[in-house]
Amino acid sequence: MRGWSRQLFAAIGEGIEGRPRRKWAALQAAWAEISEPHVTAQIRRHDKEAFDIDVTQCRFAEFFRALGEPDLGALLVCEPDFDVTAAGGGEVSLTRDQTIMQGAPSCTFRYKFAPR
């Protein structure tokens, strides 16, 4: 499943014109459009060097945790964030130290942008 996700987002990224960071931005915007109605998030930082977001409520996590399947939820919902980031081709990186799906109080998205 992880391999399929990596291949899927890589193929979508290849179909987007522009530099890797633009590819990431396009994929991220599409991914956010799907997820935003189902999460509560706070932007902590957004500038040319970084984009930091804390998700404080996630209906996806609530759903999979209620099913007793947070590992499946992480595989289907959380891990693709890294596949989207890979479209940034090294111009964008993501660290996420915790997720609600894993039982933490928030998901900590920390994107870093390479200098242009």
PDB file of N, CA and C in Angstrom:
ATOM      1  N   MET A   1       0.813  -1.189   0.000  1.00  0.00           N
ATOM      2  CA  MET A   1       0.000   0.000   0.000  1.00  0.00           C
ATOM      3  C   MET A   1       0.865   1.266   0.000  1.00  0.00           C
ATOM      4  N   ARG A   2       1.935   1.272   0.814  1.00  0.00           N
ATOM      5  CA  ARG A   2       2.801   2.448   0.873  1.00  0.00           C
ATOM      6  C   ARG A   2       3.477   2.674  -0.474  1.00  0.00           C
ATOM      7  N   GLY A   3       3.928   1.599  -1.096  1.00  0.00           N
ATOM      8  CA  GLY A   3       4.571   1.728  -2.405  1.00  0.00           C
ATOM      9  C   GLY A   3       3.618   2.288  -3.446  1.00  0.00           C
ATOM     10  N   TRP A   4       2.389   1.828  -3.412  1.00  0.00           N
ATOM     11  CA  TRP A   4       1.381   2.328  -4.345  1.00  0.00           C
ATOM     12  C   TRP A   4       1.152   3.824  -4.132  1.00  0.00           C
ATOM     13  N   SER A   5       1.047   4.250  -2.897  1.00  0.00           N
ATOM     14  CA  SER A   5       0.821   5.659  -2.587  1.00  0.00           C
ATOM     15  C   SER A   5       1.991   6.513  -3.093  1.00  0.00           C
ATOM     16  N   ARG A   6       3.201   6.056  -2.851  1.00  0.00           N
ATOM     17  CA  ARG A   6       4.379   6.797  -3.327  1.00  0.00           C
ATOM     18  C   ARG A   6       4.350   6.937  -4.848  1.00  0.00           C
ATOM     19  N   GLN A   7       4.050   5.841  -5.528  1.00  0.00           N
ATOM     20  CA  GLN A   7       4.002   5.859  -6.990  1.00  0.00           C
ATOM     21  C   GLN A   7       2.880   6.762  -7.490  1.00  0.00           C
ATOM     22  N   LEU A   8       1.735   6.704  -6.840  1.00  0.00           N
ATOM     23  CA  LEU A   8       0.581   7.506  -7.251  1.00  0.00           C
ATOM     24  C   LEU A   8       0.908   9.000  -7.180  1.00  0.00           C
ATOM     25  N   PHE A   9       1.398   9.457  -6.029  1.00  0.00           N
ATOM     26  CA  PHE A   9       1.663  10.880  -5.872  1.00  0.00           C
ATOM     27  C   PHE A   9       2.853  11.329  -6.716  1.00  0.00           C
ATOM     28  N   ALA A  10       3.819  10.445  -6.938  1.00  0.00           N
ATOM     29  CA  ALA A  10       4.930  10.784  -7.826  1.00  0.00           C
ATOM     30  C   ALA A  10       4.420  10.988  -9.253  1.00  0.00           C
ATOM     31  N   ALA A  11       3.538  10.121  -9.689  1.00  0.00           N
ATOM     32  CA  ALA A  11       2.984  10.241 -11.042  1.00  0.00           C
ATOM     33  C   ALA A  11       2.139  11.505 -11.180  1.00  0.00           C
ATOM     34  N   ILE A  12       1.358  11.805 -10.167  1.00  0.00           N
ATOM     35  CA  ILE A  12       0.565  13.036 -10.217  1.00  0.00           C
ATOM     36  C   ILE A  12       1.499  14.246 -10.259  1.00  0.00           C
ATOM     37  N   GLY A  13       2.532  14.230  -9.437  1.00  0.00           N
ATOM     38  CA  GLY A  13       3.496  15.326  -9.419  1.00  0.00           C
ATOM     39  C   GLY A  13       4.187  15.519 -10.763  1.00  0.00           C
ATOM     40  N   GLU A  14       4.494  14.420 -11.433  1.00  0.00           N
ATOM     41  CA  GLU A  14       5.147  14.520 -12.741  1.00  0.00           C
ATOM     42  C   GLU A  14       4.254  15.219 -13.756  1.00  0.00           C
ATOM     43  N   GLY A  15       2.942  15.117 -13.563  1.00  0.00           N
ATOM     44  CA  GLY A  15       1.997  15.748 -14.479  1.00  0.00           C
ATOM     45  C   GLY A  15       1.771  17.230 -14.218  1.00  0.00           C
ATOM     46  N   ILE A  16       2.383  17.750 -13.182  1.00  0.00           N
ATOM     47  CA  ILE A  16       2.240  19.171 -12.847  1.00  0.00           C
ATOM     48  C   ILE A  16       3.472  19.899 -13.352  1.00  0.00           C
ATOM     49  N   GLU A  17       3.255  20.966 -14.088  1.00  0.00           N
ATOM     50  CA  GLU A  17       4.383  21.725 -14.632  1.00  0.00           C
ATOM     51  C   GLU A  17       5.028  22.582 -13.557  1.00  0.00           C
ATOM     52  N   GLY A  18       6.298  22.846 -13.738  1.00  0.00           N
ATOM     53  CA  GLY A  18       7.002  23.754 -12.852  1.00  0.00           C
ATOM     54  C   GLY A  18       8.036  23.064 -11.985  1.00  0.00           C
ATOM     55  N   ARG A  19       8.628  23.879 -11.126  1.00  0.00           N
ATOM     56  CA  ARG A  19       9.662  23.400 -10.212  1.00  0.00           C
ATOM     57  C   ARG A  19       9.050  22.474  -9.165  1.00  0.00           C
ATOM     58  N   PRO A  20       9.868  21.687  -8.498  1.00  0.00           N
ATOM     59  CA  PRO A  20       9.347  20.759  -7.492  1.00  0.00           C
ATOM     60  C   PRO A  20       8.502  21.431  -6.397  1.00  0.00           C
ATOM     61  N   ARG A  21       8.912  22.612  -5.950  1.00  0.00           N
ATOM     62  CA  ARG A  21       8.116  23.261  -4.896  1.00  0.00           C
ATOM     63  C   ARG A  21       6.729  23.627  -5.406  1.00  0.00           C
ATOM     64  N   ARG A  22       6.612  24.001  -6.668  1.00  0.00           N
ATOM     65  CA  ARG A  22       5.303  24.283  -7.251  1.00  0.00           C
ATOM     66  C   ARG A  22       4.469  23.008  -7.326  1.00  0.00           C
ATOM     67  N   LYS A  23       5.105  21.893  -7.671  1.00  0.00           N
ATOM     68  CA  LYS A  23       4.403  20.607  -7.720  1.00  0.00           C
ATOM     69  C   LYS A  23       3.857  20.269  -6.328  1.00  0.00           C
ATOM     70  N   TRP A  24       4.720  20.446  -5.310  1.00  0.00           N
ATOM     71  CA  TRP A  24       4.268  20.200  -3.939  1.00  0.00           C
ATOM     72  C   TRP A  24       3.084  21.100  -3.592  1.00  0.00           C
ATOM     73  N   ALA A  25       3.186  22.382  -3.916  1.00  0.00           N
ATOM     74  CA  ALA A  25       2.123  23.334  -3.575  1.00  0.00           C
ATOM     75  C   ALA A  25       0.797  22.933  -4.229  1.00  0.00           C
ATOM     76  N   ALA A  26       0.849  22.500  -5.469  1.00  0.00           N
ATOM     77  CA  ALA A  26      -0.377  22.083  -6.162  1.00  0.00           C
ATOM     78  C   ALA A  26      -0.973  20.833  -5.524  1.00  0.00           C
ATOM     79  N   LEU A  27      -0.126  19.857  -5.244  1.00  0.00           N
ATOM     80  CA  LEU A  27      -0.615  18.634  -4.585  1.00  0.00           C
ATOM     81  C   LEU A  27      -1.125  18.933  -3.179  1.00  0.00           C
ATOM     82  N   GLN A  28      -0.401  19.765  -2.448  1.00  0.00           N
ATOM     83  CA  GLN A  28      -0.788  20.111  -1.084  1.00  0.00           C
ATOM     84  C   GLN A  28      -2.141  20.823  -1.080  1.00  0.00           C
ATOM     85  N   ALA A  29      -2.354  21.712  -2.028  1.00  0.00           N
ATOM     86  CA  ALA A  29      -3.624  22.434  -2.106  1.00  0.00           C
ATOM     87  C   ALA A  29      -4.780  21.470  -2.378  1.00  0.00           C
ATOM     88  N   ALA A  30      -4.566  20.532  -3.280  1.00  0.00           N
ATOM     89  CA  ALA A  30      -5.622  19.548  -3.579  1.00  0.00           C
ATOM     90  C   ALA A  30      -5.893  18.654  -2.371  1.00  0.00           C
ATOM     91  N   TRP A  31      -4.836  18.216  -1.711  1.00  0.00           N
ATOM     92  CA  TRP A  31      -4.957  17.365  -0.518  1.00  0.00           C
ATOM     93  C   TRP A  31      -5.678  18.131   0.596  1.00  0.00           C
ATOM     94  N   ALA A  32      -5.326  19.409   0.758  1.00  0.00           N
ATOM     95  CA  ALA A  32      -5.958  20.239   1.798  1.00  0.00           C
ATOM     96  C   ALA A  32      -7.441  20.453   1.505  1.00  0.00           C
ATOM     97  N   GLU A  33      -7.794  20.596   0.249  1.00  0.00           N
ATOM     98  CA  GLU A  33      -9.198  20.787  -0.123  1.00  0.00           C
ATOM     99  C   GLU A  33     -10.043  19.596   0.325  1.00  0.00           C
ATOM    100  N   ILE A  34      -9.480  18.422   0.249  1.00  0.00           N
ATOM    101  CA  ILE A  34     -10.194  17.209   0.666  1.00  0.00           C
ATOM    102  C   ILE A  34     -10.254  17.124   2.187  1.00  0.00           C
ATOM    103  N   SER A  35      -9.154  17.441   2.846  1.00  0.00           N
ATOM    104  CA  SER A  35      -9.085  17.221   4.295  1.00  0.00           C
ATOM    105  C   SER A  35      -9.611  18.379   5.143  1.00  0.00           C
ATOM    106  N   GLU A  36      -9.511  19.614   4.668  1.00  0.00           N
ATOM    107  CA  GLU A  36      -9.860  20.771   5.498  1.00  0.00           C
ATOM    108  C   GLU A  36     -11.247  20.720   6.127  1.00  0.00           C
ATOM    109  N   PRO A  37     -12.276  20.246   5.420  1.00  0.00           N
ATOM    110  CA  PRO A  37     -13.592  20.211   6.069  1.00  0.00           C
ATOM    111  C   PRO A  37     -13.664  19.244   7.261  1.00  0.00           C
ATOM    112  N   HIS A  38     -12.656  18.395   7.409  1.00  0.00           N
ATOM    113  CA  HIS A  38     -12.699  17.343   8.416  1.00  0.00           C
ATOM    114  C   HIS A  38     -11.670  17.514   9.528  1.00  0.00           C
ATOM    115  N   VAL A  39     -10.955  18.633   9.513  1.00  0.00           N
ATOM    116  CA  VAL A  39      -9.950  18.889  10.545  1.00  0.00           C
ATOM    117  C   VAL A  39     -10.067  20.331  11.050  1.00  0.00           C
ATOM    118  N   THR A  40      -9.576  20.526  12.248  1.00  0.00           N
ATOM    119  CA  THR A  40      -9.402  21.870  12.792  1.00  0.00           C
ATOM    120  C   THR A  40      -7.905  22.076  12.906  1.00  0.00           C
ATOM    121  N   ALA A  41      -7.420  23.157  12.316  1.00  0.00           N
ATOM    122  CA  ALA A  41      -5.974  23.380  12.278  1.00  0.00           C
ATOM    123  C   ALA A  41      -5.644  24.827  12.610  1.00  0.00           C
ATOM    124  N   GLN A  42      -4.445  24.995  13.133  1.00  0.00           N
ATOM    125  CA  GLN A  42      -3.913  26.321  13.430  1.00  0.00           C
ATOM    126  C   GLN A  42      -2.574  26.462  12.706  1.00  0.00           C
ATOM    127  N   ILE A  43      -2.452  27.533  11.949  1.00  0.00           N
ATOM    128  CA  ILE A  43      -1.173  27.813  11.293  1.00  0.00           C
ATOM    129  C   ILE A  43      -0.284  28.501  12.314  1.00  0.00           C
ATOM    130  N   ARG A  44       0.858  27.926  12.548  1.00  0.00           N
ATOM    131  CA  ARG A  44       1.820  28.454  13.516  1.00  0.00           C
ATOM    132  C   ARG A  44       2.861  29.361  12.861  1.00  0.00           C
ATOM    133  N   ARG A  45       3.181  29.035  11.624  1.00  0.00           N
ATOM    134  CA  ARG A  45       4.179  29.816  10.894  1.00  0.00           C
ATOM    135  C   ARG A  45       3.949  29.593   9.409  1.00  0.00           C
ATOM    136  N   HIS A  46       4.080  30.646   8.625  1.00  0.00           N
ATOM    137  CA  HIS A  46       3.996  30.517   7.176  1.00  0.00           C
ATOM    138  C   HIS A  46       4.809  31.640   6.546  1.00  0.00           C
ATOM    139  N   ASP A  47       6.002  31.291   6.110  1.00  0.00           N
ATOM    140  CA  ASP A  47       6.879  32.257   5.464  1.00  0.00           C
ATOM    141  C   ASP A  47       7.703  31.520   4.407  1.00  0.00           C
ATOM    142  N   LYS A  48       8.718  32.183   3.860  1.00  0.00           N
ATOM    143  CA  LYS A  48       9.491  31.579   2.772  1.00  0.00           C
ATOM    144  C   LYS A  48      10.353  30.406   3.223  1.00  0.00           C
ATOM    145  N   GLU A  49      10.562  30.270   4.524  1.00  0.00           N
ATOM    146  CA  GLU A  49      11.409  29.195   5.047  1.00  0.00           C
ATOM    147  C   GLU A  49      10.633  28.007   5.599  1.00  0.00           C
ATOM    148  N   ALA A  50       9.416  28.261   6.075  1.00  0.00           N
ATOM    149  CA  ALA A  50       8.694  27.181   6.761  1.00  0.00           C
ATOM    150  C   ALA A  50       7.185  27.384   6.710  1.00  0.00           C
ATOM    151  N   PHE A  51       6.492  26.280   6.902  1.00  0.00           N
ATOM    152  CA  PHE A  51       5.035  26.259   7.012  1.00  0.00           C
ATOM    153  C   PHE A  51       4.719  25.257   8.119  1.00  0.00           C
ATOM    154  N   ASP A  52       4.294  25.768   9.263  1.00  0.00           N
ATOM    155  CA  ASP A  52       4.030  24.931  10.437  1.00  0.00           C
ATOM    156  C   ASP A  52       2.539  24.955  10.748  1.00  0.00           C
ATOM    157  N   ILE A  53       1.968  23.775  10.861  1.00  0.00           N
ATOM    158  CA  ILE A  53       0.545  23.631  11.139  1.00  0.00           C
ATOM    159  C   ILE A  53       0.370  22.636  12.278  1.00  0.00           C
ATOM    160  N   ASP A  54      -0.542  22.953  13.180  1.00  0.00           N
ATOM    161  CA  ASP A  54      -0.973  21.997  14.197  1.00  0.00           C
ATOM    162  C   ASP A  54      -2.435  21.656  13.932  1.00  0.00           C
ATOM    163  N   VAL A  55      -2.707  20.386  13.701  1.00  0.00           N
ATOM    164  CA  VAL A  55      -4.085  19.919  13.574  1.00  0.00           C
ATOM    165  C   VAL A  55      -4.522  19.519  14.974  1.00  0.00           C
ATOM    166  N   THR A  56      -5.591  20.134  15.454  1.00  0.00           N
ATOM    167  CA  THR A  56      -6.038  19.907  16.826  1.00  0.00           C
ATOM    168  C   THR A  56      -7.284  19.038  16.918  1.00  0.00           C
ATOM    169  N   GLN A  57      -7.953  18.839  15.806  1.00  0.00           N
ATOM    170  CA  GLN A  57      -9.092  17.927  15.757  1.00  0.00           C
ATOM    171  C   GLN A  57      -9.124  17.290  14.379  1.00  0.00           C
ATOM    172  N   CYS A  58      -9.359  15.984  14.332  1.00  0.00           N
ATOM    173  CA  CYS A  58      -9.322  15.253  13.064  1.00  0.00           C
ATOM    174  C   CYS A  58     -10.426  14.205  13.054  1.00  0.00           C
ATOM    175  N   ARG A  59     -11.394  14.407  12.185  1.00  0.00           N
ATOM    176  CA  ARG A  59     -12.493  13.443  12.091  1.00  0.00           C
ATOM    177  C   ARG A  59     -12.029  12.110  11.515  1.00  0.00           C
ATOM    178  N   PHE A  60     -10.983  12.135  10.708  1.00  0.00           N
ATOM    179  CA  PHE A  60     -10.421  10.878  10.188  1.00  0.00           C
ATOM    180  C   PHE A  60      -9.904  10.036  11.356  1.00  0.00           C
ATOM    181  N   ALA A  61      -9.162  10.669  12.240  1.00  0.00           N
ATOM    182  CA  ALA A  61      -8.624   9.955  13.403  1.00  0.00           C
ATOM    183  C   ALA A  61      -9.748   9.456  14.291  1.00  0.00           C
ATOM    184  N   GLU A  62     -10.755  10.280  14.514  1.00  0.00           N
ATOM    185  CA  GLU A  62     -11.896   9.857  15.333  1.00  0.00           C
ATOM    186  C   GLU A  62     -12.550   8.616  14.737  1.00  0.00           C
ATOM    187  N   PHE A  63     -12.726   8.621  13.424  1.00  0.00           N
ATOM    188  CA  PHE A  63     -13.354   7.494  12.741  1.00  0.00           C
ATOM    189  C   PHE A  63     -12.539   6.214  12.900  1.00  0.00           C
ATOM    190  N   PHE A  64     -11.245   6.271  12.558  1.00  0.00           N
ATOM    191  CA  PHE A  64     -10.424   5.067  12.613  1.00  0.00           C
ATOM    192  C   PHE A  64     -10.175   4.602  14.044  1.00  0.00           C
ATOM    193  N   ARG A  65     -10.078   5.536  14.968  1.00  0.00           N
ATOM    194  CA  ARG A  65      -9.909   5.141  16.373  1.00  0.00           C
ATOM    195  C   ARG A  65     -11.188   4.476  16.891  1.00  0.00           C
ATOM    196  N   ALA A  66     -12.355   4.972  16.480  1.00  0.00           N
ATOM    197  CA  ALA A  66     -13.625   4.359  16.879  1.00  0.00           C
ATOM    198  C   ALA A  66     -13.739   2.936  16.330  1.00  0.00           C
ATOM    199  N   LEU A  67     -13.168   2.707  15.172  1.00  0.00           N
ATOM    200  CA  LEU A  67     -13.145   1.357  14.600  1.00  0.00           C
ATOM    201  C   LEU A  67     -12.113   0.461  15.270  1.00  0.00           C
ATOM    202  N   GLY A  68     -11.241   1.061  16.071  1.00  0.00           N
ATOM    203  CA  GLY A  68     -10.140   0.310  16.662  1.00  0.00           C
ATOM    204  C   GLY A  68      -9.037   0.036  15.660  1.00  0.00           C
ATOM    205  N   GLU A  69      -8.947   0.878  14.622  1.00  0.00           N
ATOM    206  CA  GLU A  69      -7.972   0.674  13.543  1.00  0.00           C
ATOM    207  C   GLU A  69      -7.123   1.916  13.281  1.00  0.00           C
ATOM    208  N   PRO A  70      -6.475   2.479  14.312  1.00  0.00           N
ATOM    209  CA  PRO A  70      -5.668   3.673  14.054  1.00  0.00           C
ATOM    210  C   PRO A  70      -4.478   3.399  13.128  1.00  0.00           C
ATOM    211  N   ASP A  71      -3.953   2.190  13.124  1.00  0.00           N
ATOM    212  CA  ASP A  71      -2.835   1.877  12.224  1.00  0.00           C
ATOM    213  C   ASP A  71      -3.280   1.936  10.767  1.00  0.00           C
ATOM    214  N   LEU A  72      -4.479   1.450  10.496  1.00  0.00           N
ATOM    215  CA  LEU A  72      -5.025   1.531   9.142  1.00  0.00           C
ATOM    216  C   LEU A  72      -5.264   2.993   8.766  1.00  0.00           C
ATOM    217  N   GLY A  73      -5.792   3.770   9.695  1.00  0.00           N
ATOM    218  CA  GLY A  73      -6.003   5.190   9.449  1.00  0.00           C
ATOM    219  C   GLY A  73      -4.697   5.907   9.153  1.00  0.00           C
ATOM    220  N   ALA A  74      -3.658   5.577   9.907  1.00  0.00           N
ATOM    221  CA  ALA A  74      -2.354   6.203   9.671  1.00  0.00           C
ATOM    222  C   ALA A  74      -1.841   5.855   8.276  1.00  0.00           C
ATOM    223  N   LEU A  75      -2.011   4.617   7.873  1.00  0.00           N
ATOM    224  CA  LEU A  75      -1.564   4.166   6.556  1.00  0.00           C
ATOM    225  C   LEU A  75      -2.319   4.884   5.438  1.00  0.00           C
ATOM    226  N   LEU A  76      -3.635   5.008   5.580  1.00  0.00           N
ATOM    227  CA  LEU A  76      -4.458   5.566   4.513  1.00  0.00           C
ATOM    228  C   LEU A  76      -4.534   7.087   4.508  1.00  0.00           C
ATOM    229  N   VAL A  77      -4.458   7.698   5.683  1.00  0.00           N
ATOM    230  CA  VAL A  77      -4.699   9.137   5.788  1.00  0.00           C
ATOM    231  C   VAL A  77      -3.430   9.921   6.130  1.00  0.00           C
ATOM    232  N   CYS A  78      -2.633   9.422   7.051  1.00  0.00           N
ATOM    233  CA  CYS A  78      -1.484  10.198   7.541  1.00  0.00           C
ATOM    234  C   CYS A  78      -0.227  10.036   6.692  1.00  0.00           C
ATOM    235  N   GLU A  79       0.122   8.833   6.370  1.00  0.00           N
ATOM    236  CA  GLU A  79       1.378   8.592   5.654  1.00  0.00           C
ATOM    237  C   GLU A  79       1.443   9.233   4.265  1.00  0.00           C
ATOM    238  N   PRO A  80       0.315   9.337   3.534  1.00  0.00           N
ATOM    239  CA  PRO A  80       0.410  10.005   2.227  1.00  0.00           C
ATOM    240  C   PRO A  80       0.897  11.459   2.292  1.00  0.00           C
ATOM    241  N   ASP A  81       0.845  12.091   3.470  1.00  0.00           N
ATOM    242  CA  ASP A  81       1.400  13.445   3.593  1.00  0.00           C
ATOM    243  C   ASP A  81       2.865  13.472   3.175  1.00  0.00           C
ATOM    244  N   PHE A  82       3.581  12.420   3.486  1.00  0.00           N
ATOM    245  CA  PHE A  82       4.998  12.346   3.123  1.00  0.00           C
ATOM    246  C   PHE A  82       5.174  12.090   1.624  1.00  0.00           C
ATOM    247  N   ASP A  83       4.217  11.386   1.015  1.00  0.00           N
ATOM    248  CA  ASP A  83       4.271  11.150  -0.426  1.00  0.00           C
ATOM    249  C   ASP A  83       3.983  12.434  -1.193  1.00  0.00           C
ATOM    250  N   VAL A  84       3.067  13.243  -0.686  1.00  0.00           N
ATOM    251  CA  VAL A  84       2.799  14.558  -1.278  1.00  0.00           C
ATOM    252  C   VAL A  84       4.051  15.422  -1.153  1.00  0.00           C
ATOM    253  N   THR A  85       4.679  15.397   0.003  1.00  0.00           N
ATOM    254  CA  THR A  85       5.887  16.193   0.224  1.00  0.00           C
ATOM    255  C   THR A  85       7.016  15.769  -0.711  1.00  0.00           C
ATOM    256  N   ALA A  86       7.098  14.492  -1.023  1.00  0.00           N
ATOM    257  CA  ALA A  86       8.156  14.006  -1.914  1.00  0.00           C
ATOM    258  C   ALA A  86       8.067  14.651  -3.289  1.00  0.00           C
ATOM    259  N   ALA A  87       6.887  15.104  -3.686  1.00  0.00           N
ATOM    260  CA  ALA A  87       6.748  15.802  -4.969  1.00  0.00           C
ATOM    261  C   ALA A  87       7.562  17.090  -4.968  1.00  0.00           C
ATOM    262  N   GLY A  88       7.936  17.557  -3.777  1.00  0.00           N
ATOM    263  CA  GLY A  88       8.761  18.755  -3.659  1.00  0.00           C
ATOM    264  C   GLY A  88      10.209  18.524  -4.032  1.00  0.00           C
ATOM    265  N   GLY A  89      10.560  17.296  -4.350  1.00  0.00           N
ATOM    266  CA  GLY A  89      11.888  16.975  -4.871  1.00  0.00           C
ATOM    267  C   GLY A  89      13.055  17.533  -4.090  1.00  0.00           C
ATOM    268  N   GLY A  90      12.979  17.518  -2.779  1.00  0.00           N
ATOM    269  CA  GLY A  90      14.071  18.028  -1.970  1.00  0.00           C
ATOM    270  C   GLY A  90      13.955  19.515  -1.664  1.00  0.00           C
ATOM    271  N   GLU A  91      13.048  20.208  -2.330  1.00  0.00           N
ATOM    272  CA  GLU A  91      12.827  21.624  -2.040  1.00  0.00           C
ATOM    273  C   GLU A  91      11.887  21.807  -0.850  1.00  0.00           C
ATOM    274  N   VAL A  92      11.193  20.728  -0.493  1.00  0.00           N
ATOM    275  CA  VAL A  92      10.260  20.746   0.638  1.00  0.00           C
ATOM    276  C   VAL A  92      10.519  19.500   1.468  1.00  0.00           C
ATOM    277  N   SER A  93      10.558  19.663   2.782  1.00  0.00           N
ATOM    278  CA  SER A  93      10.668  18.504   3.675  1.00  0.00           C
ATOM    279  C   SER A  93       9.583  18.615   4.739  1.00  0.00           C
ATOM    280  N   LEU A  94       9.226  17.479   5.302  1.00  0.00           N
ATOM    281  CA  LEU A  94       8.193  17.426   6.337  1.00  0.00           C
ATOM    282  C   LEU A  94       8.680  16.596   7.499  1.00  0.00           C
ATOM    283  N   THR A  95       8.506  17.140   8.683  1.00  0.00           N
ATOM    284  CA  THR A  95       8.640  16.342   9.897  1.00  0.00           C
ATOM    285  C   THR A  95       7.310  16.448  10.626  1.00  0.00           C
ATOM    286  N   ARG A  96       6.943  15.363  11.234  1.00  0.00           N
ATOM    287  CA  ARG A  96       5.714  15.342  12.028  1.00  0.00           C
ATOM    288  C   ARG A  96       5.993  14.428  13.213  1.00  0.00           C
ATOM    289  N   ASP A  97       6.159  15.029  14.366  1.00  0.00           N
ATOM    290  CA  ASP A  97       6.550  14.277  15.553  1.00  0.00           C
ATOM    291  C   ASP A  97       5.406  13.513  16.191  1.00  0.00           C
ATOM    292  N   GLN A  98       4.174  13.940  15.923  1.00  0.00           N
ATOM    293  CA  GLN A  98       3.049  13.257  16.552  1.00  0.00           C
ATOM    294  C   GLN A  98       1.791  13.429  15.716  1.00  0.00           C
ATOM    295  N   THR A  99       0.852  12.501  15.911  1.00  0.00           N
ATOM    296  CA  THR A  99      -0.453  12.595  15.249  1.00  0.00           C
ATOM    297  C   THR A  99      -1.558  12.235  16.228  1.00  0.00           C
ATOM    298  N   ILE A 100      -2.713  12.777  15.957  1.00  0.00           N
ATOM    299  CA  ILE A 100      -3.905  12.427  16.726  1.00  0.00           C
ATOM    300  C   ILE A 100      -4.216  10.949  16.519  1.00  0.00           C
ATOM    301  N   MET A 101      -3.993  10.471  15.300  1.00  0.00           N
ATOM    302  CA  MET A 101      -4.263   9.066  14.981  1.00  0.00           C
ATOM    303  C   MET A 101      -3.481   8.145  15.914  1.00  0.00           C
ATOM    304  N   GLN A 102      -2.281   8.572  16.328  1.00  0.00           N
ATOM    305  CA  GLN A 102      -1.441   7.767  17.220  1.00  0.00           C
ATOM    306  C   GLN A 102      -1.726   8.057  18.689  1.00  0.00           C
ATOM    307  N   GLY A 103      -2.727   8.901  18.963  1.00  0.00           N
ATOM    308  CA  GLY A 103      -3.115   9.176  20.337  1.00  0.00           C
ATOM    309  C   GLY A 103      -2.618  10.489  20.905  1.00  0.00           C
ATOM    310  N   ALA A 104      -1.882  11.264  20.132  1.00  0.00           N
ATOM    311  CA  ALA A 104      -1.387  12.561  20.597  1.00  0.00           C
ATOM    312  C   ALA A 104      -2.519  13.599  20.571  1.00  0.00           C
ATOM    313  N   PRO A 105      -2.360  14.704  21.284  1.00  0.00           N
ATOM    314  CA  PRO A 105      -3.404  15.732  21.286  1.00  0.00           C
ATOM    315  C   PRO A 105      -3.470  16.544  19.994  1.00  0.00           C
ATOM    316  N   SER A 106      -2.415  16.460  19.157  1.00  0.00           N
ATOM    317  CA  SER A 106      -2.412  17.195  17.896  1.00  0.00           C
ATOM    318  C   SER A 106      -1.459  16.521  16.908  1.00  0.00           C
ATOM    319  N   CYS A 107      -1.621  16.908  15.660  1.00  0.00           N
ATOM    320  CA  CYS A 107      -0.682  16.504  14.614  1.00  0.00           C
ATOM    321  C   CYS A 107       0.198  17.714  14.345  1.00  0.00           C
ATOM    322  N   THR A 108       1.496  17.516  14.355  1.00  0.00           N
ATOM    323  CA  THR A 108       2.429  18.630  14.189  1.00  0.00           C
ATOM    324  C   THR A 108       3.111  18.532  12.825  1.00  0.00           C
ATOM    325  N   PHE A 109       2.630  19.303  11.887  1.00  0.00           N
ATOM    326  CA  PHE A 109       3.212  19.362  10.554  1.00  0.00           C
ATOM    327  C   PHE A 109       4.255  20.468  10.533  1.00  0.00           C
ATOM    328  N   ARG A 110       5.475  20.141  10.174  1.00  0.00           N
ATOM    329  CA  ARG A 110       6.551  21.121  10.095  1.00  0.00           C
ATOM    330  C   ARG A 110       7.227  20.992   8.732  1.00  0.00           C
ATOM    331  N   TYR A 111       6.798  21.850   7.824  1.00  0.00           N
ATOM    332  CA  TYR A 111       7.380  21.879   6.484  1.00  0.00           C
ATOM    333  C   TYR A 111       8.529  22.872   6.470  1.00  0.00           C
ATOM    334  N   LYS A 112       9.602  22.504   5.821  1.00  0.00           N
ATOM    335  CA  LYS A 112      10.749  23.388   5.626  1.00  0.00           C
ATOM    336  C   LYS A 112      10.980  23.508   4.136  1.00  0.00           C
ATOM    337  N   PHE A 113      11.314  24.729   3.715  1.00  0.00           N
ATOM    338  CA  PHE A 113      11.548  25.012   2.304  1.00  0.00           C
ATOM    339  C   PHE A 113      13.019  25.334   2.074  1.00  0.00           C
ATOM    340  N   ALA A 114      13.595  24.721   1.052  1.00  0.00           N
ATOM    341  CA  ALA A 114      14.976  25.017   0.682  1.00  0.00           C
ATOM    342  C   ALA A 114      15.039  26.432   0.128  1.00  0.00           C
ATOM    343  N   PRO A 115      16.156  27.106   0.333  1.00  0.00           N
ATOM    344  CA  PRO A 115      16.299  28.447  -0.241  1.00  0.00           C
ATOM    345  C   PRO A 115      16.147  28.392  -1.758  1.00  0.00           C
ATOM    346  N   ARG A 116      15.564  29.427  -2.297  1.00  0.00           N
ATOM    347  CA  ARG A 116      15.362  29.471  -3.758  1.00  0.00           C
ATOM    348  C   ARG A 116      16.566  30.041  -4.433  1.00  0.00           C
TER     349      ARG A 116
END
